[in-house]
Amino acid sequence: MPRPRRTRTKVVKTNVRRVVKWKRRHNYAPYIILFLLLLIGILAVIFQDYLR
């Protein structure tokens, strides 16, 4: 039985590198935080209208 070559680890490493590059290129964290703040603001306005 010949041992299977370790090709999966190489593929995983390249995929991880691609994901890291993509995350660095598209840094969504600030946009997500701004979106959440907007949602909270809208919900607060709606709740104020209901509480009146």
N, C-alpha and C. Protein backbone atom coordinates (compact mmCIF):
# COMPACT_ATOMS: atom_id res chain seq x y z
N MET A 1 0.85 -1.21 0.00
CA MET A 1 0.00 0.00 0.00
C MET A 1 0.88 1.26 0.00
N PRO A 2 0.91 2.00 -1.07
CA PRO A 2 1.68 3.26 -1.07
C PRO A 2 0.97 4.34 -0.28
N ARG A 3 1.75 5.09 0.46
CA ARG A 3 1.15 6.15 1.29
C ARG A 3 0.57 7.26 0.40
N PRO A 4 -0.62 7.80 0.73
CA PRO A 4 -1.17 8.92 -0.05
C PRO A 4 -0.37 10.19 0.20
N ARG A 5 -0.09 10.89 -0.87
CA ARG A 5 0.68 12.14 -0.73
C ARG A 5 -0.14 13.21 -0.03
N ARG A 6 0.54 14.07 0.69
CA ARG A 6 -0.16 15.13 1.44
C ARG A 6 -0.46 16.30 0.50
N THR A 7 -1.52 16.14 -0.28
CA THR A 7 -1.93 17.23 -1.17
C THR A 7 -3.01 18.09 -0.52
N ARG A 8 -3.79 17.48 0.38
CA ARG A 8 -4.88 18.24 1.01
C ARG A 8 -4.35 19.38 1.85
N THR A 9 -3.28 19.13 2.62
CA THR A 9 -2.75 20.19 3.48
C THR A 9 -2.29 21.37 2.63
N LYS A 10 -1.67 21.09 1.48
CA LYS A 10 -1.22 22.18 0.62
C LYS A 10 -2.41 22.98 0.10
N VAL A 11 -3.46 22.27 -0.32
CA VAL A 11 -4.64 22.96 -0.83
C VAL A 11 -5.25 23.82 0.27
N VAL A 12 -5.35 23.28 1.49
CA VAL A 12 -5.94 24.03 2.60
C VAL A 12 -5.11 25.28 2.87
N LYS A 13 -3.77 25.12 2.86
CA LYS A 13 -2.92 26.27 3.13
C LYS A 13 -3.13 27.37 2.09
N THR A 14 -3.19 26.98 0.82
CA THR A 14 -3.39 27.99 -0.22
C THR A 14 -4.76 28.64 -0.06
N ASN A 15 -5.78 27.85 0.29
CA ASN A 15 -7.11 28.42 0.48
C ASN A 15 -7.11 29.41 1.64
N VAL A 16 -6.43 29.07 2.73
CA VAL A 16 -6.36 29.97 3.89
C VAL A 16 -5.68 31.26 3.48
N ARG A 17 -4.59 31.14 2.72
CA ARG A 17 -3.90 32.35 2.27
C ARG A 17 -4.82 33.22 1.43
N ARG A 18 -5.58 32.57 0.53
CA ARG A 18 -6.52 33.33 -0.31
C ARG A 18 -7.56 34.04 0.56
N VAL A 19 -8.08 33.33 1.55
CA VAL A 19 -9.11 33.93 2.42
C VAL A 19 -8.52 35.11 3.18
N VAL A 20 -7.30 34.96 3.69
CA VAL A 20 -6.66 36.05 4.44
C VAL A 20 -6.47 37.25 3.53
N LYS A 21 -5.99 37.01 2.29
CA LYS A 21 -5.82 38.12 1.35
C LYS A 21 -7.16 38.79 1.08
N TRP A 22 -8.22 37.96 0.87
CA TRP A 22 -9.53 38.52 0.56
C TRP A 22 -10.05 39.33 1.73
N LYS A 23 -9.82 38.83 2.98
CA LYS A 23 -10.28 39.57 4.15
C LYS A 23 -9.53 40.89 4.26
N ARG A 24 -8.23 40.86 3.99
CA ARG A 24 -7.47 42.12 4.05
C ARG A 24 -7.96 43.09 2.99
N ARG A 25 -8.27 42.55 1.80
CA ARG A 25 -8.72 43.42 0.71
C ARG A 25 -10.08 44.02 1.04
N HIS A 26 -11.00 43.19 1.51
CA HIS A 26 -12.35 43.65 1.84
C HIS A 26 -12.53 43.60 3.36
N ASN A 27 -12.24 44.70 4.00
CA ASN A 27 -12.38 44.74 5.46
C ASN A 27 -13.78 45.27 5.78
N TYR A 28 -14.69 44.34 6.08
CA TYR A 28 -16.09 44.70 6.28
C TYR A 28 -16.42 45.12 7.71
N ALA A 29 -15.47 44.96 8.64
CA ALA A 29 -15.78 45.19 10.05
C ALA A 29 -16.36 46.59 10.29
N PRO A 30 -15.71 47.68 9.85
CA PRO A 30 -16.27 49.02 10.13
C PRO A 30 -17.64 49.20 9.51
N TYR A 31 -17.84 48.66 8.30
CA TYR A 31 -19.14 48.82 7.65
C TYR A 31 -20.23 48.08 8.43
N ILE A 32 -19.89 46.87 8.93
CA ILE A 32 -20.88 46.11 9.71
C ILE A 32 -21.25 46.88 10.98
N ILE A 33 -20.23 47.47 11.64
CA ILE A 33 -20.50 48.22 12.88
C ILE A 33 -21.40 49.42 12.56
N LEU A 34 -21.10 50.14 11.49
CA LEU A 34 -21.93 51.29 11.12
C LEU A 34 -23.36 50.85 10.82
N PHE A 35 -23.50 49.71 10.11
CA PHE A 35 -24.83 49.21 9.78
C PHE A 35 -25.61 48.86 11.04
N LEU A 36 -24.93 48.23 12.01
CA LEU A 36 -25.59 47.88 13.27
C LEU A 36 -26.02 49.14 14.01
N LEU A 37 -25.16 50.16 14.02
CA LEU A 37 -25.52 51.42 14.70
C LEU A 37 -26.74 52.04 14.04
N LEU A 38 -26.78 52.01 12.70
CA LEU A 38 -27.95 52.55 12.00
C LEU A 38 -29.21 51.77 12.38
N LEU A 39 -29.11 50.45 12.41
CA LEU A 39 -30.27 49.64 12.77
C LEU A 39 -30.74 49.97 14.18
N ILE A 40 -29.79 50.10 15.11
CA ILE A 40 -30.16 50.41 16.50
C ILE A 40 -30.85 51.78 16.55
N GLY A 41 -30.33 52.75 15.81
CA GLY A 41 -30.95 54.07 15.79
C GLY A 41 -32.37 54.03 15.27
N ILE A 42 -32.58 53.30 14.17
CA ILE A 42 -33.93 53.20 13.60
C ILE A 42 -34.88 52.52 14.58
N LEU A 43 -34.40 51.44 15.20
CA LEU A 43 -35.24 50.72 16.17
C LEU A 43 -35.57 51.64 17.36
N ALA A 44 -34.60 52.43 17.80
CA ALA A 44 -34.85 53.34 18.93
C ALA A 44 -35.94 54.35 18.55
N VAL A 45 -35.87 54.88 17.33
CA VAL A 45 -36.89 55.86 16.90
C VAL A 45 -38.26 55.18 16.86
N ILE A 46 -38.33 53.97 16.34
CA ILE A 46 -39.61 53.27 16.25
C ILE A 46 -40.17 53.03 17.66
N PHE A 47 -39.30 52.56 18.57
CA PHE A 47 -39.77 52.29 19.94
C PHE A 47 -40.22 53.57 20.62
N GLN A 48 -39.54 54.69 20.38
CA GLN A 48 -39.96 55.96 20.98
C GLN A 48 -41.35 56.33 20.48
N ASP A 49 -41.58 56.12 19.17
CA ASP A 49 -42.91 56.42 18.63
C ASP A 49 -43.97 55.55 19.28
N TYR A 50 -43.64 54.27 19.51
CA TYR A 50 -44.62 53.37 20.13
C TYR A 50 -44.86 53.74 21.59
N LEU A 51 -43.79 54.14 22.29
CA LEU A 51 -43.93 54.42 23.72
C LEU A 51 -44.73 55.69 23.95
N ARG A 52 -44.78 56.60 22.99
CA ARG A 52 -45.57 57.81 23.14
C ARG A 52 -47.02 57.45 23.04
